[in-house]
């Protein structure tokens, strides 16, 4: 189980790139502990939303965790959820995850593969949106 760090909050930046601004909508960046990653958005530690789309966007966070995982959603229809394609399984909207994780045949990435340590995320994270 993850324990909150006894140190003060760590500030860091997430740079999101490869945003297809022609799709419209908004970018949502979720910062998770292990609980809820990546599907339970309500369990995210922090969530930032911006609808002023640019090809590359920066988001600033402050958390008191030793490790986290980040999910980025290009929420085209602004419903706060990942819209699925006609199969009902695969996403129809752009997604990005920490550690360059992607959606695979077995589903979304696992926390253990997407997690980054405090030492890593304090330097900033770069996440590239992948579109279906």
N, C-alpha and C. Protein backbone atom coordinates (compact mmCIF):
# COMPACT_ATOMS: atom_id res chain seq x y z
N UNK A 1 0.84 -1.18 0.00
CA UNK A 1 0.00 0.00 0.00
C UNK A 1 0.88 1.23 0.00
N UNK A 2 0.48 2.23 -0.71
CA UNK A 2 1.24 3.47 -0.76
C UNK A 2 1.02 4.30 0.48
N UNK A 3 2.07 4.84 0.97
CA UNK A 3 1.96 5.75 2.11
C UNK A 3 2.31 7.15 1.67
N UNK A 4 1.62 8.11 2.19
CA UNK A 4 1.94 9.50 1.87
C UNK A 4 3.30 9.83 2.44
N UNK A 5 4.04 10.63 1.73
CA UNK A 5 5.36 11.03 2.18
C UNK A 5 5.25 11.93 3.41
N UNK A 6 6.20 11.77 4.32
CA UNK A 6 6.20 12.63 5.50
C UNK A 6 6.81 13.98 5.18
N UNK A 7 7.45 14.08 4.04
CA UNK A 7 8.04 15.35 3.62
C UNK A 7 6.94 16.28 3.11
N UNK A 8 7.31 17.51 2.85
CA UNK A 8 6.33 18.46 2.33
C UNK A 8 5.98 18.11 0.89
N UNK A 9 4.98 18.77 0.39
CA UNK A 9 4.49 18.50 -0.95
C UNK A 9 5.56 18.77 -2.00
N UNK A 10 5.56 17.94 -3.03
CA UNK A 10 6.48 18.10 -4.15
C UNK A 10 5.72 18.74 -5.29
N UNK A 11 6.26 19.84 -5.80
CA UNK A 11 5.67 20.49 -6.96
C UNK A 11 6.34 19.94 -8.20
N UNK A 12 5.54 19.73 -9.23
CA UNK A 12 6.09 19.23 -10.49
C UNK A 12 5.19 19.64 -11.65
N UNK A 13 5.71 19.47 -12.85
CA UNK A 13 4.99 19.87 -14.05
C UNK A 13 4.80 18.66 -14.95
N UNK A 14 3.65 18.59 -15.59
CA UNK A 14 3.36 17.59 -16.61
C UNK A 14 3.21 18.33 -17.93
N UNK A 15 4.03 17.96 -18.90
CA UNK A 15 3.94 18.52 -20.25
C UNK A 15 3.24 17.49 -21.12
N UNK A 16 2.12 17.89 -21.72
CA UNK A 16 1.33 17.00 -22.57
C UNK A 16 1.54 17.44 -24.01
N UNK A 17 1.94 16.50 -24.87
CA UNK A 17 2.21 16.84 -26.26
C UNK A 17 1.40 15.96 -27.21
N UNK A 18 1.48 16.30 -28.49
CA UNK A 18 0.77 15.61 -29.56
C UNK A 18 -0.75 15.77 -29.44
N UNK A 19 -1.19 16.92 -28.96
CA UNK A 19 -2.63 17.18 -28.81
C UNK A 19 -3.20 17.59 -30.16
N UNK A 20 -4.22 16.88 -30.60
CA UNK A 20 -4.91 17.18 -31.87
C UNK A 20 -5.99 18.22 -31.58
N UNK A 21 -5.61 19.50 -31.70
CA UNK A 21 -6.53 20.59 -31.34
C UNK A 21 -7.78 20.62 -32.22
N UNK A 22 -7.71 20.06 -33.43
CA UNK A 22 -8.86 20.04 -34.34
C UNK A 22 -10.00 19.19 -33.79
N UNK A 23 -9.72 18.30 -32.87
CA UNK A 23 -10.76 17.45 -32.28
C UNK A 23 -11.61 18.20 -31.26
N UNK A 24 -11.14 19.36 -30.80
CA UNK A 24 -11.89 20.13 -29.81
C UNK A 24 -11.89 19.45 -28.46
N UNK A 25 -12.78 19.91 -27.59
CA UNK A 25 -12.91 19.31 -26.27
C UNK A 25 -11.98 19.91 -25.24
N UNK A 26 -11.47 19.05 -24.35
CA UNK A 26 -10.63 19.50 -23.25
C UNK A 26 -9.58 18.44 -22.93
N UNK A 27 -8.53 18.86 -22.26
CA UNK A 27 -7.51 17.95 -21.77
C UNK A 27 -7.71 17.83 -20.25
N UNK A 28 -7.75 16.59 -19.76
CA UNK A 28 -7.84 16.33 -18.33
C UNK A 28 -6.61 15.53 -17.92
N UNK A 29 -5.90 16.02 -16.90
CA UNK A 29 -4.74 15.31 -16.37
C UNK A 29 -5.10 14.82 -14.97
N UNK A 30 -4.97 13.51 -14.77
CA UNK A 30 -5.27 12.87 -13.49
C UNK A 30 -3.96 12.40 -12.86
N UNK A 31 -3.76 12.71 -11.59
CA UNK A 31 -2.62 12.20 -10.84
C UNK A 31 -3.18 11.21 -9.82
N UNK A 32 -2.68 9.97 -9.89
CA UNK A 32 -3.18 8.90 -9.05
C UNK A 32 -2.10 8.37 -8.12
N UNK A 33 -2.54 7.90 -6.94
CA UNK A 33 -1.79 6.93 -6.18
C UNK A 33 -2.19 5.58 -6.77
N UNK A 34 -1.88 4.51 -6.12
CA UNK A 34 -2.22 3.19 -6.68
C UNK A 34 -3.73 2.98 -6.76
N UNK A 35 -4.47 3.50 -5.80
CA UNK A 35 -5.92 3.30 -5.76
C UNK A 35 -6.61 3.97 -6.95
N UNK A 36 -7.37 3.15 -7.68
CA UNK A 36 -8.20 3.68 -8.75
C UNK A 36 -7.54 3.82 -10.11
N UNK A 37 -6.23 3.71 -10.18
CA UNK A 37 -5.55 3.90 -11.47
C UNK A 37 -5.87 2.76 -12.41
N UNK A 38 -6.19 3.04 -13.68
CA UNK A 38 -6.40 4.34 -14.30
C UNK A 38 -7.87 4.68 -14.53
N UNK A 39 -8.77 3.81 -14.12
CA UNK A 39 -10.18 3.98 -14.50
C UNK A 39 -11.03 4.79 -13.55
N UNK A 40 -10.78 4.73 -12.26
CA UNK A 40 -11.65 5.37 -11.27
C UNK A 40 -11.24 6.83 -11.09
N UNK A 41 -11.70 7.67 -11.99
CA UNK A 41 -11.33 9.09 -11.99
C UNK A 41 -11.62 9.77 -10.66
N UNK A 42 -12.67 9.35 -9.99
CA UNK A 42 -13.03 9.98 -8.71
C UNK A 42 -12.00 9.68 -7.62
N UNK A 43 -11.13 8.71 -7.83
CA UNK A 43 -10.11 8.38 -6.84
C UNK A 43 -8.76 9.05 -7.13
N UNK A 44 -8.71 9.87 -8.17
CA UNK A 44 -7.48 10.59 -8.47
C UNK A 44 -7.15 11.54 -7.31
N UNK A 45 -5.88 11.68 -7.02
CA UNK A 45 -5.43 12.60 -5.97
C UNK A 45 -5.69 14.04 -6.38
N UNK A 46 -5.42 14.32 -7.65
CA UNK A 46 -5.57 15.66 -8.21
C UNK A 46 -6.03 15.51 -9.66
N UNK A 47 -6.82 16.49 -10.12
CA UNK A 47 -7.30 16.48 -11.49
C UNK A 47 -7.30 17.92 -11.98
N UNK A 48 -6.70 18.18 -13.13
CA UNK A 48 -6.75 19.51 -13.75
C UNK A 48 -7.36 19.40 -15.13
N UNK A 49 -8.19 20.39 -15.48
CA UNK A 49 -8.88 20.42 -16.76
C UNK A 49 -8.59 21.74 -17.46
N UNK A 50 -8.33 21.67 -18.77
CA UNK A 50 -8.11 22.89 -19.54
C UNK A 50 -8.73 22.70 -20.92
N UNK A 51 -9.61 23.63 -21.33
CA UNK A 51 -10.22 23.54 -22.66
C UNK A 51 -9.64 24.55 -23.65
N UNK A 52 -8.55 25.20 -23.28
CA UNK A 52 -7.84 26.10 -24.18
C UNK A 52 -6.74 25.28 -24.87
N UNK A 53 -7.14 24.49 -25.86
CA UNK A 53 -6.24 23.51 -26.46
C UNK A 53 -5.11 24.14 -27.27
N UNK A 54 -3.93 23.57 -27.09
CA UNK A 54 -2.73 23.88 -27.86
C UNK A 54 -2.04 22.56 -28.14
N UNK A 55 -1.19 22.48 -29.16
CA UNK A 55 -0.51 21.22 -29.47
C UNK A 55 0.31 20.66 -28.31
N UNK A 56 0.86 21.54 -27.47
CA UNK A 56 1.58 21.15 -26.27
C UNK A 56 1.07 22.01 -25.12
N UNK A 57 0.76 21.36 -23.98
CA UNK A 57 0.22 22.08 -22.84
C UNK A 57 0.96 21.66 -21.57
N UNK A 58 1.06 22.60 -20.61
CA UNK A 58 1.74 22.34 -19.34
C UNK A 58 0.75 22.45 -18.19
N UNK A 59 0.89 21.53 -17.23
CA UNK A 59 0.04 21.50 -16.04
C UNK A 59 0.94 21.39 -14.83
N UNK A 60 0.66 22.17 -13.79
CA UNK A 60 1.46 22.15 -12.57
C UNK A 60 0.69 21.50 -11.43
N UNK A 61 1.39 20.67 -10.65
CA UNK A 61 0.79 19.92 -9.56
C UNK A 61 1.64 20.02 -8.31
N UNK A 62 1.04 19.68 -7.19
CA UNK A 62 1.73 19.57 -5.92
C UNK A 62 1.11 18.39 -5.18
N UNK A 63 1.93 17.39 -4.86
CA UNK A 63 1.44 16.20 -4.15
C UNK A 63 2.41 15.80 -3.05
N UNK A 64 1.89 15.08 -2.07
CA UNK A 64 2.70 14.57 -0.96
C UNK A 64 2.78 13.06 -1.05
N UNK A 65 3.28 12.56 -2.16
CA UNK A 65 3.37 11.11 -2.38
C UNK A 65 4.80 10.74 -2.77
N UNK A 66 5.16 9.50 -2.46
CA UNK A 66 6.48 8.98 -2.84
C UNK A 66 6.49 8.47 -4.27
N UNK A 67 5.31 8.06 -4.77
CA UNK A 67 5.18 7.65 -6.16
C UNK A 67 3.76 7.90 -6.63
N UNK A 68 3.63 8.12 -7.92
CA UNK A 68 2.34 8.41 -8.54
C UNK A 68 2.29 7.79 -9.92
N UNK A 69 1.13 7.82 -10.53
CA UNK A 69 0.96 7.50 -11.94
C UNK A 69 0.05 8.58 -12.52
N UNK A 70 0.28 8.93 -13.77
CA UNK A 70 -0.48 10.01 -14.41
C UNK A 70 -1.20 9.48 -15.64
N UNK A 71 -2.45 9.92 -15.78
CA UNK A 71 -3.26 9.62 -16.95
C UNK A 71 -3.71 10.94 -17.56
N UNK A 72 -3.62 11.04 -18.88
CA UNK A 72 -4.10 12.23 -19.59
C UNK A 72 -5.18 11.78 -20.57
N UNK A 73 -6.31 12.48 -20.54
CA UNK A 73 -7.44 12.19 -21.42
C UNK A 73 -7.74 13.40 -22.28
N UNK A 74 -7.78 13.21 -23.61
CA UNK A 74 -8.30 14.26 -24.50
C UNK A 74 -9.80 13.99 -24.58
N UNK A 75 -10.53 14.66 -23.74
CA UNK A 75 -11.97 14.47 -23.58
C UNK A 75 -12.71 15.31 -24.61
N UNK A 76 -12.90 14.74 -25.78
CA UNK A 76 -13.48 15.49 -26.90
C UNK A 76 -14.91 15.94 -26.65
N UNK A 77 -15.70 15.12 -25.99
CA UNK A 77 -17.11 15.47 -25.76
C UNK A 77 -17.35 16.07 -24.37
N UNK A 78 -16.29 16.32 -23.62
CA UNK A 78 -16.34 16.98 -22.32
C UNK A 78 -17.28 16.30 -21.32
N UNK A 79 -17.31 14.96 -21.35
CA UNK A 79 -18.15 14.25 -20.38
C UNK A 79 -17.35 13.72 -19.19
N UNK A 80 -16.04 13.93 -19.20
CA UNK A 80 -15.20 13.50 -18.09
C UNK A 80 -14.87 12.02 -18.08
N UNK A 81 -15.31 11.29 -19.11
CA UNK A 81 -15.09 9.85 -19.19
C UNK A 81 -14.39 9.51 -20.50
N UNK A 82 -13.78 8.33 -20.54
CA UNK A 82 -13.17 7.84 -21.77
C UNK A 82 -14.27 7.26 -22.64
N UNK A 83 -14.53 7.90 -23.77
CA UNK A 83 -15.53 7.40 -24.71
C UNK A 83 -14.93 6.24 -25.49
N UNK A 84 -15.70 5.17 -25.63
CA UNK A 84 -15.24 3.97 -26.33
C UNK A 84 -15.66 4.02 -27.80
N UNK A 85 -14.94 3.28 -28.64
CA UNK A 85 -15.31 3.19 -30.05
C UNK A 85 -16.47 2.21 -30.23
N UNK A 86 -16.76 1.84 -31.43
CA UNK A 86 -17.92 1.00 -31.74
C UNK A 86 -17.85 -0.38 -31.06
N UNK A 87 -16.66 -0.84 -30.70
CA UNK A 87 -16.52 -2.15 -30.05
C UNK A 87 -16.99 -2.10 -28.60
N UNK A 88 -17.00 -0.90 -28.01
CA UNK A 88 -17.32 -0.77 -26.61
C UNK A 88 -16.17 -1.15 -25.69
N UNK A 89 -15.02 -1.45 -26.28
CA UNK A 89 -13.85 -1.87 -25.52
C UNK A 89 -12.72 -0.87 -25.63
N UNK A 90 -12.41 -0.47 -26.85
CA UNK A 90 -11.27 0.40 -27.10
C UNK A 90 -11.66 1.87 -27.07
N UNK A 91 -10.76 2.73 -26.59
CA UNK A 91 -11.06 4.17 -26.52
C UNK A 91 -11.19 4.81 -27.90
N UNK A 92 -12.08 5.79 -27.98
CA UNK A 92 -12.24 6.57 -29.20
C UNK A 92 -11.56 7.92 -29.06
N UNK A 93 -11.11 8.24 -27.84
CA UNK A 93 -10.46 9.53 -27.56
C UNK A 93 -8.99 9.28 -27.23
N UNK A 94 -8.20 10.34 -27.34
CA UNK A 94 -6.77 10.24 -27.08
C UNK A 94 -6.47 10.05 -25.60
N UNK A 95 -5.44 9.23 -25.34
CA UNK A 95 -5.00 8.95 -23.97
C UNK A 95 -3.48 8.97 -23.91
N UNK A 96 -2.96 9.29 -22.74
CA UNK A 96 -1.53 9.21 -22.49
C UNK A 96 -1.31 8.83 -21.04
N UNK A 97 -0.19 8.15 -20.77
CA UNK A 97 0.11 7.69 -19.42
C UNK A 97 1.58 7.94 -19.09
N UNK A 98 1.87 8.04 -17.81
CA UNK A 98 3.26 8.17 -17.39
C UNK A 98 4.04 6.91 -17.80
N UNK A 99 5.35 7.07 -17.90
CA UNK A 99 6.25 5.99 -18.33
C UNK A 99 5.94 5.48 -19.73
N UNK A 100 5.36 6.32 -20.56
CA UNK A 100 5.05 5.96 -21.96
C UNK A 100 4.19 4.70 -22.08
N UNK A 101 3.37 4.44 -21.09
CA UNK A 101 2.47 3.28 -21.15
C UNK A 101 1.33 3.57 -22.12
N UNK A 102 0.78 2.52 -22.71
CA UNK A 102 -0.30 2.66 -23.67
C UNK A 102 -1.38 1.61 -23.39
N UNK A 103 -2.52 1.79 -24.06
CA UNK A 103 -3.58 0.79 -24.02
C UNK A 103 -3.12 -0.37 -24.90
N UNK A 104 -3.25 -1.58 -24.39
CA UNK A 104 -2.82 -2.75 -25.16
C UNK A 104 -3.95 -3.73 -25.34
N UNK A 105 -3.62 -4.88 -25.88
CA UNK A 105 -4.63 -5.92 -26.07
C UNK A 105 -5.20 -6.41 -24.75
N UNK A 106 -4.42 -6.27 -23.67
CA UNK A 106 -4.89 -6.70 -22.36
C UNK A 106 -5.56 -5.57 -21.58
N UNK A 107 -5.72 -4.41 -22.22
CA UNK A 107 -6.41 -3.30 -21.56
C UNK A 107 -5.47 -2.18 -21.19
N UNK A 108 -5.90 -1.35 -20.22
CA UNK A 108 -5.10 -0.19 -19.83
C UNK A 108 -3.85 -0.63 -19.07
N UNK A 109 -2.87 0.25 -18.95
CA UNK A 109 -1.64 -0.10 -18.23
C UNK A 109 -1.91 -0.34 -16.74
N UNK A 110 -1.07 -1.13 -16.15
CA UNK A 110 -1.12 -1.40 -14.71
C UNK A 110 -0.36 -0.30 -13.98
N UNK A 111 -0.74 -0.05 -12.75
CA UNK A 111 -0.08 0.96 -11.94
C UNK A 111 1.42 0.70 -11.84
N UNK A 112 1.81 -0.53 -11.61
CA UNK A 112 3.22 -0.86 -11.42
C UNK A 112 4.08 -0.49 -12.63
N UNK A 113 3.48 -0.44 -13.82
CA UNK A 113 4.21 -0.08 -15.03
C UNK A 113 4.20 1.42 -15.29
N UNK A 114 3.18 2.10 -14.82
CA UNK A 114 3.03 3.54 -15.08
C UNK A 114 3.57 4.41 -13.95
N UNK A 115 3.83 3.83 -12.80
CA UNK A 115 4.24 4.63 -11.63
C UNK A 115 5.62 5.27 -11.85
N UNK A 116 5.75 6.44 -11.24
CA UNK A 116 7.03 7.16 -11.24
C UNK A 116 7.32 7.60 -9.82
N UNK A 117 8.58 7.57 -9.45
CA UNK A 117 8.96 7.93 -8.09
C UNK A 117 9.03 9.45 -7.94
N UNK A 118 9.03 9.89 -6.70
CA UNK A 118 9.14 11.31 -6.38
C UNK A 118 10.40 11.90 -7.03
N UNK A 119 11.49 11.17 -7.00
CA UNK A 119 12.74 11.64 -7.62
C UNK A 119 12.53 11.89 -9.11
N UNK A 120 11.76 11.02 -9.77
CA UNK A 120 11.50 11.17 -11.21
C UNK A 120 10.52 12.30 -11.50
N UNK A 121 9.37 12.32 -10.80
CA UNK A 121 8.35 13.28 -11.19
C UNK A 121 8.67 14.70 -10.78
N UNK A 122 9.51 14.90 -9.77
CA UNK A 122 9.86 16.27 -9.40
C UNK A 122 10.64 16.97 -10.52
N UNK A 123 11.25 16.20 -11.42
CA UNK A 123 11.97 16.76 -12.58
C UNK A 123 11.01 17.12 -13.71
N UNK A 124 9.76 16.71 -13.57
CA UNK A 124 8.76 16.97 -14.60
C UNK A 124 8.51 15.71 -15.41
N UNK A 125 7.29 15.58 -15.92
CA UNK A 125 6.92 14.43 -16.73
C UNK A 125 6.47 14.90 -18.10
N UNK A 126 6.82 14.13 -19.12
CA UNK A 126 6.37 14.39 -20.48
C UNK A 126 5.47 13.24 -20.89
N UNK A 127 4.25 13.59 -21.30
CA UNK A 127 3.30 12.57 -21.71
C UNK A 127 2.78 12.91 -23.10
N UNK A 128 2.86 11.94 -23.99
CA UNK A 128 2.41 12.11 -25.37
C UNK A 128 1.04 11.46 -25.52
N UNK A 129 0.08 12.22 -26.03
CA UNK A 129 -1.26 11.68 -26.28
C UNK A 129 -1.20 10.73 -27.48
N UNK A 130 -1.79 9.57 -27.32
CA UNK A 130 -1.92 8.59 -28.42
C UNK A 130 -3.39 8.52 -28.82
N UNK A 131 -3.65 8.62 -30.12
CA UNK A 131 -5.03 8.57 -30.62
C UNK A 131 -5.29 7.24 -31.30
N UNK A 132 -6.56 6.80 -31.23
CA UNK A 132 -6.90 5.51 -31.88
C UNK A 132 -6.77 5.61 -33.39
